[in-house]
Amino acid sequence: MSSRMGALVVMERALTDQPDAVRAMMPHLICLLSHPDARIRGDIADLLGRTGDWGAIARLELLATDPDPDVAEAAVEAIEAIRSRHA
């Protein structure tokens, strides 16, 4: 748990300090949306929403039907966050 949270804090900080580095990691982050651990899928969905990357929408839309309700909710919120940044 603490490792996962630490990684998320680093990624959130990178969004501010080194957005190009985060953009370079997008393919890897998107792959994590199919991780077997629902907590990781949800965390990555949230992170993708924060990036505002339009390219993540299609995968997030698939995740919006995830069997885990928390993951599905995170995906829907991420989609809304991305769309609001592009409105």
PDB file of N, CA and C in Angstrom:
ATOM      1  N   MET A   1       0.822  -1.194   0.000  1.00  0.00           N
ATOM      2  CA  MET A   1       0.000   0.000   0.000  1.00  0.00           C
ATOM      3  C   MET A   1       0.863   1.254   0.000  1.00  0.00           C
ATOM      4  N   SER A   2       1.855   1.328   0.867  1.00  0.00           N
ATOM      5  CA  SER A   2       2.658   2.545   0.933  1.00  0.00           C
ATOM      6  C   SER A   2       3.480   2.735  -0.335  1.00  0.00           C
ATOM      7  N   SER A   3       3.922   1.656  -0.958  1.00  0.00           N
ATOM      8  CA  SER A   3       4.658   1.774  -2.220  1.00  0.00           C
ATOM      9  C   SER A   3       3.757   2.330  -3.311  1.00  0.00           C
ATOM     10  N   ARG A   4       2.524   1.826  -3.376  1.00  0.00           N
ATOM     11  CA  ARG A   4       1.566   2.290  -4.377  1.00  0.00           C
ATOM     12  C   ARG A   4       1.275   3.770  -4.180  1.00  0.00           C
ATOM     13  N   MET A   5       1.052   4.174  -2.962  1.00  0.00           N
ATOM     14  CA  MET A   5       0.751   5.572  -2.672  1.00  0.00           C
ATOM     15  C   MET A   5       1.953   6.462  -2.965  1.00  0.00           C
ATOM     16  N   GLY A   6       3.127   5.976  -2.639  1.00  0.00           N
ATOM     17  CA  GLY A   6       4.341   6.734  -2.918  1.00  0.00           C
ATOM     18  C   GLY A   6       4.527   6.952  -4.408  1.00  0.00           C
ATOM     19  N   ALA A   7       4.256   5.926  -5.190  1.00  0.00           N
ATOM     20  CA  ALA A   7       4.380   6.046  -6.642  1.00  0.00           C
ATOM     21  C   ALA A   7       3.381   7.057  -7.186  1.00  0.00           C
ATOM     22  N   LEU A   8       2.174   7.056  -6.645  1.00  0.00           N
ATOM     23  CA  LEU A   8       1.168   8.017  -7.096  1.00  0.00           C
ATOM     24  C   LEU A   8       1.559   9.445  -6.750  1.00  0.00           C
ATOM     25  N   VAL A   9       2.126   9.647  -5.586  1.00  0.00           N
ATOM     26  CA  VAL A   9       2.570  10.984  -5.189  1.00  0.00           C
ATOM     27  C   VAL A   9       3.665  11.468  -6.141  1.00  0.00           C
ATOM     28  N   VAL A  10       4.582  10.589  -6.477  1.00  0.00           N
ATOM     29  CA  VAL A  10       5.656  10.943  -7.408  1.00  0.00           C
ATOM     30  C   VAL A  10       5.073  11.314  -8.773  1.00  0.00           C
ATOM     31  N   MET A  11       4.111  10.529  -9.256  1.00  0.00           N
ATOM     32  CA  MET A  11       3.510  10.809 -10.562  1.00  0.00           C
ATOM     33  C   MET A  11       2.744  12.126 -10.543  1.00  0.00           C
ATOM     34  N   GLU A  12       2.029  12.399  -9.476  1.00  0.00           N
ATOM     35  CA  GLU A  12       1.298  13.664  -9.381  1.00  0.00           C
ATOM     36  C   GLU A  12       2.263  14.840  -9.371  1.00  0.00           C
ATOM     37  N   ARG A  13       3.367  14.681  -8.689  1.00  0.00           N
ATOM     38  CA  ARG A  13       4.386  15.738  -8.660  1.00  0.00           C
ATOM     39  C   ARG A  13       5.003  15.916 -10.039  1.00  0.00           C
ATOM     40  N   ALA A  14       5.223  14.801 -10.735  1.00  0.00           N
ATOM     41  CA  ALA A  14       5.787  14.854 -12.081  1.00  0.00           C
ATOM     42  C   ALA A  14       4.848  15.565 -13.048  1.00  0.00           C
ATOM     43  N   LEU A  15       3.539  15.429 -12.846  1.00  0.00           N
ATOM     44  CA  LEU A  15       2.589  16.133 -13.705  1.00  0.00           C
ATOM     45  C   LEU A  15       2.819  17.637 -13.666  1.00  0.00           C
ATOM     46  N   THR A  16       3.233  18.126 -12.511  1.00  0.00           N
ATOM     47  CA  THR A  16       3.495  19.550 -12.353  1.00  0.00           C
ATOM     48  C   THR A  16       4.905  19.915 -12.802  1.00  0.00           C
ATOM     49  N   ASP A  17       5.874  19.135 -12.368  1.00  0.00           N
ATOM     50  CA  ASP A  17       7.272  19.487 -12.596  1.00  0.00           C
ATOM     51  C   ASP A  17       7.836  19.008 -13.932  1.00  0.00           C
ATOM     52  N   GLN A  18       7.364  17.855 -14.416  1.00  0.00           N
ATOM     53  CA  GLN A  18       7.917  17.278 -15.643  1.00  0.00           C
ATOM     54  C   GLN A  18       6.811  16.630 -16.482  1.00  0.00           C
ATOM     55  N   PRO A  19       5.883  17.439 -16.987  1.00  0.00           N
ATOM     56  CA  PRO A  19       4.758  16.867 -17.731  1.00  0.00           C
ATOM     57  C   PRO A  19       5.181  16.075 -18.967  1.00  0.00           C
ATOM     58  N   ASP A  20       6.292  16.456 -19.592  1.00  0.00           N
ATOM     59  CA  ASP A  20       6.755  15.699 -20.768  1.00  0.00           C
ATOM     60  C   ASP A  20       7.144  14.279 -20.394  1.00  0.00           C
ATOM     61  N   ALA A  21       7.709  14.100 -19.221  1.00  0.00           N
ATOM     62  CA  ALA A  21       8.084  12.757 -18.761  1.00  0.00           C
ATOM     63  C   ALA A  21       6.837  11.905 -18.552  1.00  0.00           C
ATOM     64  N   VAL A  22       5.792  12.506 -18.018  1.00  0.00           N
ATOM     65  CA  VAL A  22       4.541  11.772 -17.811  1.00  0.00           C
ATOM     66  C   VAL A  22       3.920  11.423 -19.158  1.00  0.00           C
ATOM     67  N   ARG A  23       3.928  12.365 -20.102  1.00  0.00           N
ATOM     68  CA  ARG A  23       3.388  12.073 -21.434  1.00  0.00           C
ATOM     69  C   ARG A  23       4.141  10.917 -22.088  1.00  0.00           C
ATOM     70  N   ALA A  24       5.428  10.847 -21.871  1.00  0.00           N
ATOM     71  CA  ALA A  24       6.226   9.753 -22.438  1.00  0.00           C
ATOM     72  C   ALA A  24       5.834   8.405 -21.833  1.00  0.00           C
ATOM     73  N   MET A  25       5.294   8.428 -20.626  1.00  0.00           N
ATOM     74  CA  MET A  25       4.906   7.189 -19.943  1.00  0.00           C
ATOM     75  C   MET A  25       3.467   6.773 -20.240  1.00  0.00           C
ATOM     76  N   MET A  26       2.726   7.570 -20.988  1.00  0.00           N
ATOM     77  CA  MET A  26       1.309   7.302 -21.209  1.00  0.00           C
ATOM     78  C   MET A  26       1.023   5.880 -21.713  1.00  0.00           C
ATOM     79  N   PRO A  27       1.756   5.359 -22.685  1.00  0.00           N
ATOM     80  CA  PRO A  27       1.445   3.990 -23.122  1.00  0.00           C
ATOM     81  C   PRO A  27       1.561   2.970 -21.991  1.00  0.00           C
ATOM     82  N   HIS A  28       2.526   3.155 -21.125  1.00  0.00           N
ATOM     83  CA  HIS A  28       2.708   2.236 -19.993  1.00  0.00           C
ATOM     84  C   HIS A  28       1.595   2.402 -18.961  1.00  0.00           C
ATOM     85  N   LEU A  29       1.200   3.639 -18.726  1.00  0.00           N
ATOM     86  CA  LEU A  29       0.116   3.890 -17.775  1.00  0.00           C
ATOM     87  C   LEU A  29      -1.194   3.304 -18.295  1.00  0.00           C
ATOM     88  N   ILE A  30      -1.459   3.490 -19.572  1.00  0.00           N
ATOM     89  CA  ILE A  30      -2.693   2.954 -20.156  1.00  0.00           C
ATOM     90  C   ILE A  30      -2.723   1.435 -20.052  1.00  0.00           C
ATOM     91  N   CYS A  31      -1.577   0.791 -20.226  1.00  0.00           N
ATOM     92  CA  CYS A  31      -1.524  -0.672 -20.076  1.00  0.00           C
ATOM     93  C   CYS A  31      -1.920  -1.106 -18.664  1.00  0.00           C
ATOM     94  N   LEU A  32      -1.633  -0.279 -17.679  1.00  0.00           N
ATOM     95  CA  LEU A  32      -1.966  -0.619 -16.296  1.00  0.00           C
ATOM     96  C   LEU A  32      -3.470  -0.596 -16.028  1.00  0.00           C
ATOM     97  N   LEU A  33      -4.244  -0.059 -16.953  1.00  0.00           N
ATOM     98  CA  LEU A  33      -5.697  -0.072 -16.774  1.00  0.00           C
ATOM     99  C   LEU A  33      -6.270  -1.479 -16.825  1.00  0.00           C
ATOM    100  N   SER A  34      -5.486  -2.438 -17.287  1.00  0.00           N
ATOM    101  CA  SER A  34      -5.950  -3.830 -17.307  1.00  0.00           C
ATOM    102  C   SER A  34      -5.268  -4.661 -16.213  1.00  0.00           C
ATOM    103  N   HIS A  35      -4.653  -4.015 -15.253  1.00  0.00           N
ATOM    104  CA  HIS A  35      -3.978  -4.709 -14.150  1.00  0.00           C
ATOM    105  C   HIS A  35      -5.001  -5.527 -13.357  1.00  0.00           C
ATOM    106  N   PRO A  36      -4.615  -6.711 -12.879  1.00  0.00           N
ATOM    107  CA  PRO A  36      -5.559  -7.535 -12.112  1.00  0.00           C
ATOM    108  C   PRO A  36      -6.006  -6.910 -10.785  1.00  0.00           C
ATOM    109  N   ASP A  37      -5.231  -6.009 -10.229  1.00  0.00           N
ATOM    110  CA  ASP A  37      -5.568  -5.371  -8.954  1.00  0.00           C
ATOM    111  C   ASP A  37      -6.463  -4.152  -9.216  1.00  0.00           C
ATOM    112  N   ALA A  38      -7.680  -4.195  -8.731  1.00  0.00           N
ATOM    113  CA  ALA A  38      -8.642  -3.112  -8.948  1.00  0.00           C
ATOM    114  C   ALA A  38      -8.131  -1.787  -8.394  1.00  0.00           C
ATOM    115  N   ARG A  39      -7.404  -1.819  -7.298  1.00  0.00           N
ATOM    116  CA  ARG A  39      -6.894  -0.563  -6.720  1.00  0.00           C
ATOM    117  C   ARG A  39      -5.957   0.127  -7.692  1.00  0.00           C
ATOM    118  N   ILE A  40      -5.135  -0.648  -8.369  1.00  0.00           N
ATOM    119  CA  ILE A  40      -4.199  -0.068  -9.336  1.00  0.00           C
ATOM    120  C   ILE A  40      -4.966   0.478 -10.540  1.00  0.00           C
ATOM    121  N   ARG A  41      -5.972  -0.273 -11.036  1.00  0.00           N
ATOM    122  CA  ARG A  41      -6.774   0.236 -12.157  1.00  0.00           C
ATOM    123  C   ARG A  41      -7.410   1.568 -11.798  1.00  0.00           C
ATOM    124  N   GLY A  42      -7.965   1.657 -10.605  1.00  0.00           N
ATOM    125  CA  GLY A  42      -8.607   2.896 -10.166  1.00  0.00           C
ATOM    126  C   GLY A  42      -7.623   4.040 -10.004  1.00  0.00           C
ATOM    127  N   ASP A  43      -6.474   3.743  -9.420  1.00  0.00           N
ATOM    128  CA  ASP A  43      -5.454   4.779  -9.232  1.00  0.00           C
ATOM    129  C   ASP A  43      -4.962   5.312 -10.570  1.00  0.00           C
ATOM    130  N   ILE A  44      -4.754   4.419 -11.520  1.00  0.00           N
ATOM    131  CA  ILE A  44      -4.261   4.835 -12.829  1.00  0.00           C
ATOM    132  C   ILE A  44      -5.336   5.617 -13.574  1.00  0.00           C
ATOM    133  N   ALA A  45      -6.582   5.207 -13.448  1.00  0.00           N
ATOM    134  CA  ALA A  45      -7.669   5.970 -14.067  1.00  0.00           C
ATOM    135  C   ALA A  45      -7.671   7.397 -13.528  1.00  0.00           C
ATOM    136  N   ASP A  46      -7.560   7.536 -12.223  1.00  0.00           N
ATOM    137  CA  ASP A  46      -7.517   8.866 -11.609  1.00  0.00           C
ATOM    138  C   ASP A  46      -6.341   9.671 -12.145  1.00  0.00           C
ATOM    139  N   LEU A  47      -5.184   9.056 -12.206  1.00  0.00           N
ATOM    140  CA  LEU A  47      -3.987   9.736 -12.694  1.00  0.00           C
ATOM    141  C   LEU A  47      -4.164  10.172 -14.150  1.00  0.00           C
ATOM    142  N   LEU A  48      -4.731   9.303 -14.977  1.00  0.00           N
ATOM    143  CA  LEU A  48      -4.949   9.660 -16.370  1.00  0.00           C
ATOM    144  C   LEU A  48      -5.905  10.833 -16.492  1.00  0.00           C
ATOM    145  N   GLY A  49      -6.891  10.886 -15.632  1.00  0.00           N
ATOM    146  CA  GLY A  49      -7.795  12.036 -15.635  1.00  0.00           C
ATOM    147  C   GLY A  49      -7.065  13.324 -15.330  1.00  0.00           C
ATOM    148  N   ARG A  50      -6.106  13.249 -14.464  1.00  0.00           N
ATOM    149  CA  ARG A  50      -5.325  14.432 -14.101  1.00  0.00           C
ATOM    150  C   ARG A  50      -4.405  14.886 -15.230  1.00  0.00           C
ATOM    151  N   THR A  51      -4.010  13.951 -16.096  1.00  0.00           N
ATOM    152  CA  THR A  51      -3.119  14.332 -17.201  1.00  0.00           C
ATOM    153  C   THR A  51      -3.851  15.138 -18.251  1.00  0.00           C
ATOM    154  N   GLY A  52      -5.155  14.905 -18.382  1.00  0.00           N
ATOM    155  CA  GLY A  52      -5.912  15.593 -19.414  1.00  0.00           C
ATOM    156  C   GLY A  52      -5.647  15.054 -20.809  1.00  0.00           C
ATOM    157  N   ASP A  53      -5.027  13.898 -20.905  1.00  0.00           N
ATOM    158  CA  ASP A  53      -4.654  13.323 -22.197  1.00  0.00           C
ATOM    159  C   ASP A  53      -5.861  12.719 -22.898  1.00  0.00           C
ATOM    160  N   TRP A  54      -6.265  13.351 -24.012  1.00  0.00           N
ATOM    161  CA  TRP A  54      -7.434  12.910 -24.768  1.00  0.00           C
ATOM    162  C   TRP A  54      -7.271  11.477 -25.262  1.00  0.00           C
ATOM    163  N   GLY A  55      -6.040  11.043 -25.506  1.00  0.00           N
ATOM    164  CA  GLY A  55      -5.783   9.703 -26.008  1.00  0.00           C
ATOM    165  C   GLY A  55      -6.171   8.599 -25.041  1.00  0.00           C
ATOM    166  N   ALA A  56      -6.392   8.910 -23.796  1.00  0.00           N
ATOM    167  CA  ALA A  56      -6.766   7.912 -22.795  1.00  0.00           C
ATOM    168  C   ALA A  56      -8.270   7.659 -22.740  1.00  0.00           C
ATOM    169  N   ILE A  57      -9.046   8.504 -23.393  1.00  0.00           N
ATOM    170  CA  ILE A  57     -10.511   8.419 -23.281  1.00  0.00           C
ATOM    171  C   ILE A  57     -11.051   7.046 -23.680  1.00  0.00           C
ATOM    172  N   ALA A  58     -10.622   6.513 -24.815  1.00  0.00           N
ATOM    173  CA  ALA A  58     -11.182   5.238 -25.296  1.00  0.00           C
ATOM    174  C   ALA A  58     -10.968   4.122 -24.275  1.00  0.00           C
ATOM    175  N   ARG A  59      -9.778   4.040 -23.710  1.00  0.00           N
ATOM    176  CA  ARG A  59      -9.521   2.994 -22.703  1.00  0.00           C
ATOM    177  C   ARG A  59     -10.278   3.257 -21.422  1.00  0.00           C
ATOM    178  N   LEU A  60     -10.413   4.509 -21.041  1.00  0.00           N
ATOM    179  CA  LEU A  60     -11.175   4.841 -19.842  1.00  0.00           C
ATOM    180  C   LEU A  60     -12.658   4.526 -20.029  1.00  0.00           C
ATOM    181  N   GLU A  61     -13.159   4.708 -21.234  1.00  0.00           N
ATOM    182  CA  GLU A  61     -14.563   4.365 -21.492  1.00  0.00           C
ATOM    183  C   GLU A  61     -14.804   2.871 -21.296  1.00  0.00           C
ATOM    184  N   LEU A  62     -13.840   2.055 -21.699  1.00  0.00           N
ATOM    185  CA  LEU A  62     -13.947   0.613 -21.448  1.00  0.00           C
ATOM    186  C   LEU A  62     -13.936   0.328 -19.952  1.00  0.00           C
ATOM    187  N   LEU A  63     -13.090   1.047 -19.245  1.00  0.00           N
ATOM    188  CA  LEU A  63     -12.960   0.832 -17.801  1.00  0.00           C
ATOM    189  C   LEU A  63     -14.200   1.311 -17.033  1.00  0.00           C
ATOM    190  N   ALA A  64     -14.980   2.171 -17.649  1.00  0.00           N
ATOM    191  CA  ALA A  64     -16.185   2.683 -16.991  1.00  0.00           C
ATOM    192  C   ALA A  64     -17.215   1.578 -16.743  1.00  0.00           C
ATOM    193  N   THR A  65     -17.006   0.415 -17.343  1.00  0.00           N
ATOM    194  CA  THR A  65     -17.892  -0.731 -17.108  1.00  0.00           C
ATOM    195  C   THR A  65     -17.186  -1.810 -16.285  1.00  0.00           C
ATOM    196  N   ASP A  66     -16.111  -1.431 -15.607  1.00  0.00           N
ATOM    197  CA  ASP A  66     -15.360  -2.374 -14.779  1.00  0.00           C
ATOM    198  C   ASP A  66     -16.282  -2.992 -13.726  1.00  0.00           C
ATOM    199  N   PRO A  67     -16.107  -4.287 -13.435  1.00  0.00           N
ATOM    200  CA  PRO A  67     -16.952  -4.914 -12.417  1.00  0.00           C
ATOM    201  C   PRO A  67     -16.772  -4.319 -11.015  1.00  0.00           C
ATOM    202  N   ASP A  68     -15.634  -3.698 -10.769  1.00  0.00           N
ATOM    203  CA  ASP A  68     -15.422  -3.054  -9.470  1.00  0.00           C
ATOM    204  C   ASP A  68     -16.026  -1.649  -9.542  1.00  0.00           C
ATOM    205  N   PRO A  69     -17.025  -1.347  -8.710  1.00  0.00           N
ATOM    206  CA  PRO A  69     -17.696  -0.046  -8.805  1.00  0.00           C
ATOM    207  C   PRO A  69     -16.777   1.149  -8.548  1.00  0.00           C
ATOM    208  N   ASP A  70     -15.773   0.975  -7.701  1.00  0.00           N
ATOM    209  CA  ASP A  70     -14.847   2.080  -7.444  1.00  0.00           C
ATOM    210  C   ASP A  70     -13.998   2.381  -8.679  1.00  0.00           C
ATOM    211  N   VAL A  71     -13.595   1.343  -9.390  1.00  0.00           N
ATOM    212  CA  VAL A  71     -12.809   1.520 -10.612  1.00  0.00           C
ATOM    213  C   VAL A  71     -13.669   2.190 -11.677  1.00  0.00           C
ATOM    214  N   ALA A  72     -14.890   1.703 -11.842  1.00  0.00           N
ATOM    215  CA  ALA A  72     -15.800   2.292 -12.823  1.00  0.00           C
ATOM    216  C   ALA A  72     -16.033   3.774 -12.525  1.00  0.00           C
ATOM    217  N   GLU A  73     -16.218   4.102 -11.263  1.00  0.00           N
ATOM    218  CA  GLU A  73     -16.429   5.493 -10.871  1.00  0.00           C
ATOM    219  C   GLU A  73     -15.192   6.337 -11.166  1.00  0.00           C
ATOM    220  N   ALA A  74     -14.011   5.808 -10.862  1.00  0.00           N
ATOM    221  CA  ALA A  74     -12.761   6.529 -11.140  1.00  0.00           C
ATOM    222  C   ALA A  74     -12.613   6.782 -12.639  1.00  0.00           C
ATOM    223  N   ALA A  75     -12.999   5.803 -13.452  1.00  0.00           N
ATOM    224  CA  ALA A  75     -12.899   5.959 -14.904  1.00  0.00           C
ATOM    225  C   ALA A  75     -13.847   7.045 -15.399  1.00  0.00           C
ATOM    226  N   VAL A  76     -15.076   7.032 -14.911  1.00  0.00           N
ATOM    227  CA  VAL A  76     -16.056   8.048 -15.319  1.00  0.00           C
ATOM    228  C   VAL A  76     -15.579   9.437 -14.909  1.00  0.00           C
ATOM    229  N   GLU A  77     -15.076   9.565 -13.706  1.00  0.00           N
ATOM    230  CA  GLU A  77     -14.573  10.862 -13.233  1.00  0.00           C
ATOM    231  C   GLU A  77     -13.367  11.313 -14.052  1.00  0.00           C
ATOM    232  N   ALA A  78     -12.505  10.376 -14.431  1.00  0.00           N
ATOM    233  CA  ALA A  78     -11.333  10.709 -15.246  1.00  0.00           C
ATOM    234  C   ALA A  78     -11.769  11.210 -16.626  1.00  0.00           C
ATOM    235  N   ILE A  79     -12.749  10.531 -17.205  1.00  0.00           N
ATOM    236  CA  ILE A  79     -13.274  10.963 -18.517  1.00  0.00           C
ATOM    237  C   ILE A  79     -13.829  12.379 -18.422  1.00  0.00           C
ATOM    238  N   GLU A  80     -14.606  12.631 -17.381  1.00  0.00           N
ATOM    239  CA  GLU A  80     -15.180  13.966 -17.196  1.00  0.00           C
ATOM    240  C   GLU A  80     -14.087  15.008 -17.025  1.00  0.00           C
ATOM    241  N   ALA A  81     -13.028  14.672 -16.282  1.00  0.00           N
ATOM    242  CA  ALA A  81     -11.933  15.617 -16.068  1.00  0.00           C
ATOM    243  C   ALA A  81     -11.214  15.928 -17.384  1.00  0.00           C
ATOM    244  N   ILE A  82     -10.995  14.897 -18.188  1.00  0.00           N
ATOM    245  CA  ILE A  82     -10.317  15.122 -19.473  1.00  0.00           C
ATOM    246  C   ILE A  82     -11.203  15.965 -20.394  1.00  0.00           C
ATOM    247  N   ARG A  83     -12.457  15.627 -20.479  1.00  0.00           N
ATOM    248  CA  ARG A  83     -13.369  16.375 -21.365  1.00  0.00           C
ATOM    249  C   ARG A  83     -13.498  17.828 -20.923  1.00  0.00           C
ATOM    250  N   SER A  84     -13.507  18.063 -19.630  1.00  0.00           N
ATOM    251  CA  SER A  84     -13.642  19.450 -19.154  1.00  0.00           C
ATOM    252  C   SER A  84     -12.402  20.265 -19.478  1.00  0.00           C
ATOM    253  N   ARG A  85     -11.256  19.622 -19.557  1.00  0.00           N
ATOM    254  CA  ARG A  85     -10.033  20.348 -19.918  1.00  0.00           C
ATOM    255  C   ARG A  85      -9.991  20.692 -21.395  1.00  0.00           C
ATOM    256  N   HIS A  86     -10.776  19.958 -22.191  1.00  0.00           N
ATOM    257  CA  HIS A  86     -10.776  20.176 -23.638  1.00  0.00           C
ATOM    258  C   HIS A  86     -12.042  20.895 -24.116  1.00  0.00           C
ATOM    259  N   ALA A  87     -12.863  21.327 -23.175  1.00  0.00           N
ATOM    260  CA  ALA A  87     -14.132  21.998 -23.561  1.00  0.00           C
ATOM    261  C   ALA A  87     -13.911  23.437 -23.937  1.00  0.00           C
TER     262      ALA A  87
END
